[in-house]
Amino acid sequence: MVTYSESGVDIDLEAVTVSALADKLKSTLECRDIITDSGHYAALVKLGDKAIAMSTDGVGSKILIAEMMNKYDTVGIDCIAMVVNDILCVGAEPIALVDYLAVEKPDPERAAEIAEGLVAGAIESKIAIIGGETASLPGIIKDFDLAGTGIGFVDIDKIITGENIQPGNVLIGINSNGIHSNGYSLARKALFDDAGFTVDDKMPNGETTIGEELIRPTELYVKPIVALFEKKYNINGLAHITGGGFTNLRRLKKGVGYDITDLPEVPEIFKLIYEQNVDIKEMYKVFNMGVGFVVICEESEADKIMGTLSEYCDCQIIGKVTDDEKITVKAFEGSEIEY
């Protein structure tokens, strides 16, 4: 079986590494009035009756797909999406971002293409790109890397941390459009290294190429989620489903579990990866598997929330909160997975 660790990414070791770093940094939280614990999607700094939310992220090894295709005009959208989608998870509306482009050597033409995606993502999210940094780092960077740090704001009494999640709450899943920006090391190993596909090969449905599916930019969930904020619905938790799949839900509240039974149809790209001898449990641990964002609420609120969301995106109830700490997922091939 092909695993993420065999592709060069050890999720468990990453978690230990992050913990080692975060443990050393915790003492700095006393320097200011910090609301969220480390480990949530975004950090919140209290400023009077409002809080500033901050998050940082990058495009990751999806950049290698862009290089394979010589197509750089969408990776900026991925950068924006990975940051702003996380900021939403604390109830904050994203407002601004700074980017960091590290290159092996300057390439004005490629930089201009990257900027196209940054602009497109920023306009869609209604945020301002207020600054950034470009660094030439030969010997450290091969080709380039792209990351961003964003800020948002939220009224103190409207912060959503997940602490109000209770057993019996429902999970509303918002569809993804594919892999988004996580799990590309596993995808590349399974599809290219092991199976021998190229980015120009057609998908089984014959409608798109593998490259087109892999480069498809991450969904931006700002418009639908901000619409929920404006409606002032009672929302107990928000989760951006990224690397780690549905285990991301554990960021919200300890002591509860999730029973995920009714997922949408899995995008074809995931089925193709699975067919290359990747374990089904590994698939749901690494990828979003068709759900890019989750809203958690009381069952009585679900219809109203889905009514608003459906104006912007496809969504459905995918499961419920339970009173244990297990996460169970009914996989697309019929098995039940437990984490």
Protein backbone atom coordinates (compact mmCIF):
# COMPACT_ATOMS: atom_id res chain seq x y z
CA MET A 1 0.00 0.00 0.00
CA VAL A 2 1.21 3.51 -0.86
CA THR A 3 1.35 5.80 2.20
CA TYR A 4 1.94 9.48 2.82
CA SER A 5 5.10 8.71 4.81
CA GLU A 6 6.53 6.76 1.84
CA SER A 7 6.03 9.87 -0.28
CA GLY A 8 8.19 11.84 2.15
CA VAL A 9 5.56 13.34 4.46
CA ASP A 10 5.05 11.84 7.93
CA ILE A 11 1.90 13.43 9.39
CA ASP A 12 2.50 11.97 12.84
CA LEU A 13 6.08 13.24 12.95
CA GLU A 14 4.86 16.64 11.70
CA ALA A 15 2.40 16.78 14.62
CA VAL A 16 5.18 16.04 17.10
CA THR A 17 7.40 18.65 15.46
CA VAL A 18 4.66 21.30 15.57
CA SER A 19 4.01 20.47 19.22
CA ALA A 20 7.70 20.84 20.06
CA LEU A 21 7.73 24.27 18.44
CA ALA A 22 4.40 25.42 19.88
CA ASP A 23 5.31 24.34 23.41
CA LYS A 24 8.33 26.64 23.34
CA LEU A 25 6.29 29.55 22.00
CA LYS A 26 3.39 29.33 24.46
CA SER A 27 5.08 31.62 26.98
CA THR A 28 4.80 34.49 24.48
CA LEU A 29 1.00 34.32 24.66
CA GLU A 30 1.25 36.08 28.00
CA CYS A 31 2.60 39.18 26.26
CA ARG A 32 -0.85 40.07 24.91
CA ASP A 33 -4.52 39.26 25.46
CA ILE A 34 -4.82 36.12 23.34
CA ILE A 35 -8.22 34.43 23.07
CA THR A 36 -7.69 31.14 21.22
CA ASP A 37 -5.27 28.39 22.21
CA SER A 38 -2.50 27.40 19.85
CA GLY A 39 -3.65 24.69 17.46
CA HIS A 40 -6.87 26.34 16.30
CA TYR A 41 -7.23 27.46 12.70
CA ALA A 42 -6.50 31.10 13.51
CA ALA A 43 -5.22 33.02 16.51
CA LEU A 44 -7.22 35.86 18.06
CA VAL A 45 -5.78 38.94 19.74
CA LYS A 46 -8.23 41.01 21.80
CA LEU A 47 -8.39 44.73 20.98
CA GLY A 48 -11.15 46.40 22.98
CA ASP A 49 -14.53 44.99 21.98
CA LYS A 50 -13.08 43.37 18.84
CA ALA A 51 -10.47 40.76 18.07
CA ILE A 52 -7.93 40.53 15.28
CA ALA A 53 -7.64 37.05 13.74
CA MET A 54 -4.38 35.93 12.12
CA SER A 55 -3.39 32.90 10.09
CA THR A 56 -0.50 31.91 7.84
CA ASP A 57 -0.10 29.16 5.25
CA GLY A 58 1.42 28.31 1.90
CA VAL A 59 0.71 26.49 -1.33
CA GLY A 60 2.94 23.51 -0.54
CA SER A 61 4.08 20.96 -3.09
CA LYS A 62 1.18 21.82 -5.40
CA ILE A 63 3.79 24.22 -6.76
CA LEU A 64 5.48 21.19 -8.36
CA ILE A 65 2.30 20.54 -10.38
CA ALA A 66 2.39 24.16 -11.56
CA GLU A 67 5.97 23.62 -12.68
CA MET A 68 5.08 20.40 -14.50
CA MET A 69 2.36 22.28 -16.38
CA ASN A 70 4.27 25.57 -16.71
CA LYS A 71 1.13 27.23 -15.37
CA TYR A 72 1.46 29.68 -12.47
CA ASP A 73 -1.64 31.85 -12.67
CA THR A 74 -3.70 29.89 -10.12
CA VAL A 75 -1.27 29.10 -7.27
CA GLY A 76 -1.93 32.57 -5.87
CA ILE A 77 -5.58 31.63 -5.43
CA ASP A 78 -4.45 28.59 -3.42
CA CYS A 79 -2.30 30.80 -1.21
CA ILE A 80 -5.18 33.18 -0.50
CA ALA A 81 -7.66 30.34 0.07
CA MET A 82 -5.55 28.44 2.56
CA VAL A 83 -5.23 31.58 4.69
CA VAL A 84 -8.68 33.15 4.47
CA ASN A 85 -10.54 29.85 4.88
CA ASP A 86 -8.71 29.34 8.19
CA ILE A 87 -9.53 32.86 9.39
CA LEU A 88 -13.23 32.17 8.84
CA CYS A 89 -13.08 29.29 11.33
CA VAL A 90 -13.03 31.63 14.35
CA GLY A 91 -15.98 33.68 13.11
CA ALA A 92 -13.80 36.42 11.63
CA GLU A 93 -14.12 38.13 8.27
CA PRO A 94 -10.77 38.27 6.39
CA ILE A 95 -9.67 41.80 5.47
CA ALA A 96 -6.01 41.84 4.42
CA LEU A 97 -2.98 39.71 3.58
CA VAL A 98 0.76 39.97 3.02
CA ASP A 99 2.53 37.47 0.77
CA TYR A 100 6.01 35.94 0.83
CA LEU A 101 7.57 34.75 -2.42
CA ALA A 102 10.91 32.99 -2.04
CA VAL A 103 12.74 32.21 -5.29
CA GLU A 104 15.90 30.48 -6.41
CA LYS A 105 16.43 33.33 -8.85
CA PRO A 106 14.21 36.23 -9.96
CA ASP A 107 11.81 35.52 -12.82
CA PRO A 108 9.63 38.56 -13.64
CA GLU A 109 7.37 36.68 -16.08
CA ARG A 110 6.57 33.94 -13.58
CA ALA A 111 6.11 36.47 -10.78
CA ALA A 112 3.55 38.30 -12.91
CA GLU A 113 1.62 35.04 -13.43
CA ILE A 114 1.69 34.31 -9.70
CA ALA A 115 0.38 37.81 -9.06
CA GLU A 116 -2.60 37.13 -11.33
CA GLY A 117 -3.75 34.39 -8.99
CA LEU A 118 -3.15 36.48 -5.89
CA VAL A 119 -5.28 39.27 -7.34
CA ALA A 120 -8.06 36.87 -8.38
CA GLY A 121 -8.16 35.27 -4.93
CA ALA A 122 -8.07 38.61 -3.16
CA ILE A 123 -10.92 40.08 -5.23
CA GLU A 124 -13.06 36.96 -4.71
CA SER A 125 -12.38 37.15 -0.95
CA LYS A 126 -12.72 40.94 -0.76
CA ILE A 127 -9.36 41.36 0.94
CA ALA A 128 -6.51 43.79 0.31
CA ILE A 129 -2.97 42.59 -0.31
CA ILE A 130 -1.24 45.33 1.63
CA GLY A 131 2.39 44.27 1.31
CA GLY A 132 4.78 41.37 1.16
CA GLU A 133 8.33 40.21 0.62
CA THR A 134 10.25 38.62 -2.24
CA ALA A 135 13.53 36.92 -1.39
CA SER A 136 16.15 35.38 -3.67
CA LEU A 137 17.53 32.36 -1.83
CA PRO A 138 19.77 30.23 -4.07
CA GLY A 139 20.98 27.16 -2.21
CA ILE A 140 17.91 27.18 0.05
CA ILE A 141 14.99 27.40 -2.38
CA LYS A 142 14.65 25.34 -5.55
CA ASP A 143 12.49 27.24 -8.06
CA PHE A 144 10.08 29.05 -5.67
CA ASP A 145 7.79 28.88 -2.66
CA LEU A 146 4.71 31.00 -1.94
CA ALA A 147 3.06 31.72 1.40
CA GLY A 148 0.81 34.34 2.94
CA THR A 149 -0.26 35.74 6.29
CA GLY A 150 -3.74 37.16 6.66
CA ILE A 151 -5.73 39.11 9.20
CA GLY A 152 -9.43 39.40 9.87
CA PHE A 153 -11.65 40.94 12.52
CA VAL A 154 -14.60 39.85 14.63
CA ASP A 155 -16.64 41.30 17.49
CA ILE A 156 -15.70 39.66 20.78
CA ASP A 157 -19.24 38.40 21.35
CA LYS A 158 -19.35 36.78 17.88
CA ILE A 159 -16.18 34.68 18.12
CA ILE A 160 -16.68 31.02 17.20
CA THR A 161 -14.12 28.70 18.79
CA GLY A 162 -16.03 25.42 18.90
CA GLU A 163 -16.51 25.46 22.68
CA ASN A 164 -20.32 25.42 22.20
CA ILE A 165 -20.29 22.19 20.17
CA GLN A 166 -22.48 19.54 21.80
CA PRO A 167 -23.42 15.91 21.05
CA GLY A 168 -26.39 15.89 18.70
CA ASN A 169 -25.20 18.91 16.72
CA VAL A 170 -25.17 18.33 12.97
CA LEU A 171 -22.29 18.73 10.52
CA ILE A 172 -23.03 20.57 7.29
CA GLY A 173 -20.41 19.80 4.68
CA ILE A 174 -19.59 22.23 1.89
CA ASN A 175 -18.24 20.55 -1.22
CA SER A 176 -14.66 20.82 -2.37
CA ASN A 177 -13.72 20.83 -6.05
CA GLY A 178 -10.91 18.33 -5.66
CA ILE A 179 -7.61 18.07 -3.81
CA HIS A 180 -7.32 21.80 -2.97
CA SER A 181 -3.80 22.31 -1.53
CA ASN A 182 -3.07 19.25 0.59
CA GLY A 183 -1.72 15.75 0.03
CA TYR A 184 0.21 16.44 -3.16
CA SER A 185 3.25 14.43 -2.13
CA LEU A 186 1.06 11.32 -1.88
CA ALA A 187 -0.84 12.20 -5.06
CA ARG A 188 2.37 12.65 -7.04
CA LYS A 189 3.88 9.41 -5.76
CA ALA A 190 0.75 7.39 -6.49
CA LEU A 191 -0.05 8.89 -9.89
CA PHE A 192 3.33 9.78 -11.36
CA ASP A 193 6.08 7.81 -9.60
CA ASP A 194 4.21 4.51 -9.17
CA ALA A 195 1.50 4.47 -11.85
CA GLY A 196 3.50 6.34 -14.51
CA PHE A 197 0.81 8.86 -15.46
CA THR A 198 1.71 12.33 -16.70
CA VAL A 199 -0.11 15.64 -16.26
CA ASP A 200 -1.22 15.39 -19.90
CA ASP A 201 -2.97 12.03 -19.51
CA LYS A 202 -6.75 12.10 -19.59
CA MET A 203 -8.86 11.39 -16.53
CA PRO A 204 -10.99 8.20 -16.79
CA ASN A 205 -14.02 10.34 -17.68
CA GLY A 206 -12.09 11.75 -20.63
CA GLU A 207 -13.21 15.31 -19.92
CA THR A 208 -10.09 16.75 -18.29
CA THR A 209 -6.44 15.86 -17.88
CA ILE A 210 -4.87 14.71 -14.63
CA GLY A 211 -2.88 17.93 -14.57
CA GLU A 212 -6.02 20.06 -14.92
CA GLU A 213 -7.60 18.25 -11.98
CA LEU A 214 -4.50 18.58 -9.80
CA ILE A 215 -3.95 22.29 -10.56
CA ARG A 216 -7.60 23.21 -9.94
CA PRO A 217 -7.41 26.06 -7.36
CA THR A 218 -8.66 25.68 -3.81
CA GLU A 219 -12.24 26.76 -3.19
CA LEU A 220 -12.66 30.11 -1.47
CA TYR A 221 -15.39 29.88 1.18
CA VAL A 222 -15.44 33.55 2.19
CA LYS A 223 -18.68 34.56 0.47
CA PRO A 224 -20.88 31.73 1.82
CA ILE A 225 -19.47 31.80 5.34
CA VAL A 226 -19.53 35.61 5.68
CA ALA A 227 -23.15 35.42 4.49
CA LEU A 228 -23.84 33.18 7.50
CA PHE A 229 -22.17 35.73 9.79
CA GLU A 230 -24.34 38.50 8.37
CA LYS A 231 -27.49 36.45 8.96
CA LYS A 232 -26.40 36.01 12.59
CA TYR A 233 -27.18 32.30 12.69
CA ASN A 234 -26.23 30.30 15.76
CA ILE A 235 -23.09 28.48 14.65
CA ASN A 236 -21.21 26.29 17.12
CA GLY A 237 -18.16 25.41 15.08
CA LEU A 238 -16.41 25.96 11.73
CA ALA A 239 -13.72 23.75 10.23
CA HIS A 240 -11.57 24.05 7.11
CA ILE A 241 -10.90 20.47 5.94
CA THR A 242 -7.28 20.44 4.83
CA GLY A 243 -4.36 18.02 5.33
CA GLY A 244 -5.45 15.49 7.93
CA GLY A 245 -8.95 15.21 6.50
CA PHE A 246 -11.75 15.02 9.05
CA THR A 247 -9.28 14.75 11.94
CA ASN A 248 -9.15 18.54 11.55
CA LEU A 249 -12.41 18.60 13.52
CA ARG A 250 -10.39 17.81 16.64
CA ARG A 251 -9.03 21.36 16.53
CA LEU A 252 -12.40 22.69 17.67
CA LYS A 253 -13.24 20.98 20.96
CA LYS A 254 -11.86 18.15 23.06
CA GLY A 255 -14.11 15.47 24.49
CA VAL A 256 -16.51 15.06 21.56
CA GLY A 257 -16.50 12.86 18.48
CA TYR A 258 -18.00 12.90 15.01
CA ASP A 259 -19.98 10.32 13.09
CA ILE A 260 -19.74 11.15 9.39
CA THR A 261 -22.14 9.02 7.38
CA ASP A 262 -23.46 10.96 4.38
CA LEU A 263 -20.65 12.44 2.35
CA PRO A 264 -21.18 13.80 -1.18
CA GLU A 265 -19.98 12.01 -4.29
CA VAL A 266 -16.20 11.78 -4.20
CA PRO A 267 -14.45 13.76 -6.98
CA GLU A 268 -12.94 11.49 -9.63
CA ILE A 269 -9.35 12.53 -8.87
CA PHE A 270 -9.59 10.88 -5.44
CA LYS A 271 -10.91 7.66 -6.94
CA LEU A 272 -8.00 7.61 -9.38
CA ILE A 273 -5.47 8.04 -6.55
CA TYR A 274 -7.20 5.34 -4.48
CA GLU A 275 -6.98 2.92 -7.40
CA GLN A 276 -3.17 3.20 -7.32
CA ASN A 277 -2.93 0.95 -4.22
CA VAL A 278 -3.53 3.67 -1.61
CA ASP A 279 -5.24 2.47 1.57
CA ILE A 280 -8.74 3.88 2.07
CA LYS A 281 -7.97 4.96 5.65
CA GLU A 282 -4.92 6.82 4.37
CA MET A 283 -7.08 8.58 1.78
CA TYR A 284 -9.45 9.98 4.40
CA LYS A 285 -6.55 10.91 6.69
CA VAL A 286 -4.68 12.87 4.01
CA PHE A 287 -7.31 14.38 1.69
CA ASN A 288 -10.57 16.34 2.05
CA MET A 289 -12.36 13.63 0.00
CA GLY A 290 -14.94 16.04 -1.39
CA VAL A 291 -15.73 18.23 1.61
CA GLY A 292 -13.68 21.41 1.97
CA PHE A 293 -15.45 23.12 4.86
CA VAL A 294 -17.78 22.09 7.71
CA VAL A 295 -20.35 24.13 9.64
CA ILE A 296 -21.50 22.67 12.98
CA CYS A 297 -24.83 23.78 14.42
CA GLU A 298 -27.97 22.73 16.28
CA GLU A 299 -30.18 20.52 14.16
CA SER A 300 -32.94 23.15 14.37
CA GLU A 301 -30.65 25.68 12.64
CA ALA A 302 -29.53 23.42 9.81
CA ASP A 303 -32.24 24.14 7.24
CA LYS A 304 -31.81 27.91 7.53
CA ILE A 305 -28.04 27.69 7.30
CA MET A 306 -28.14 25.37 4.29
CA GLY A 307 -30.67 27.65 2.64
CA THR A 308 -28.18 30.51 2.75
CA LEU A 309 -25.18 28.37 1.82
CA SER A 310 -26.97 26.92 -1.19
CA GLU A 311 -27.04 30.38 -2.76
CA TYR A 312 -23.26 30.11 -3.12
CA CYS A 313 -22.24 26.44 -3.05
CA ASP A 314 -23.30 22.81 -2.76
CA CYS A 315 -23.80 21.56 0.78
CA GLN A 316 -25.51 18.81 2.76
CA ILE A 317 -25.72 17.34 6.27
CA ILE A 318 -22.87 14.83 6.47
CA GLY A 319 -23.09 13.61 10.07
CA LYS A 320 -23.50 14.38 13.77
CA VAL A 321 -21.46 15.19 16.85
CA THR A 322 -21.19 12.28 19.31
CA ASP A 323 -20.37 12.02 23.00
CA ASP A 324 -17.11 10.08 22.58
CA GLU A 325 -13.81 11.15 21.05
CA LYS A 326 -13.88 8.88 18.00
CA ILE A 327 -14.19 10.12 14.45
CA THR A 328 -15.92 7.57 12.24
CA VAL A 329 -16.30 8.03 8.50
CA LYS A 330 -18.31 5.98 6.02
CA ALA A 331 -15.98 5.78 3.04
CA PHE A 332 -17.09 5.92 -0.58
CA GLU A 333 -16.24 2.23 -1.16
CA GLY A 334 -18.52 1.18 1.71
CA SER A 335 -16.15 0.62 4.63
CA GLU A 336 -16.32 2.44 7.97
CA ILE A 337 -13.12 4.11 9.10
CA GLU A 338 -12.29 5.12 12.66
CA TYR A 339 -9.71 7.63 13.86
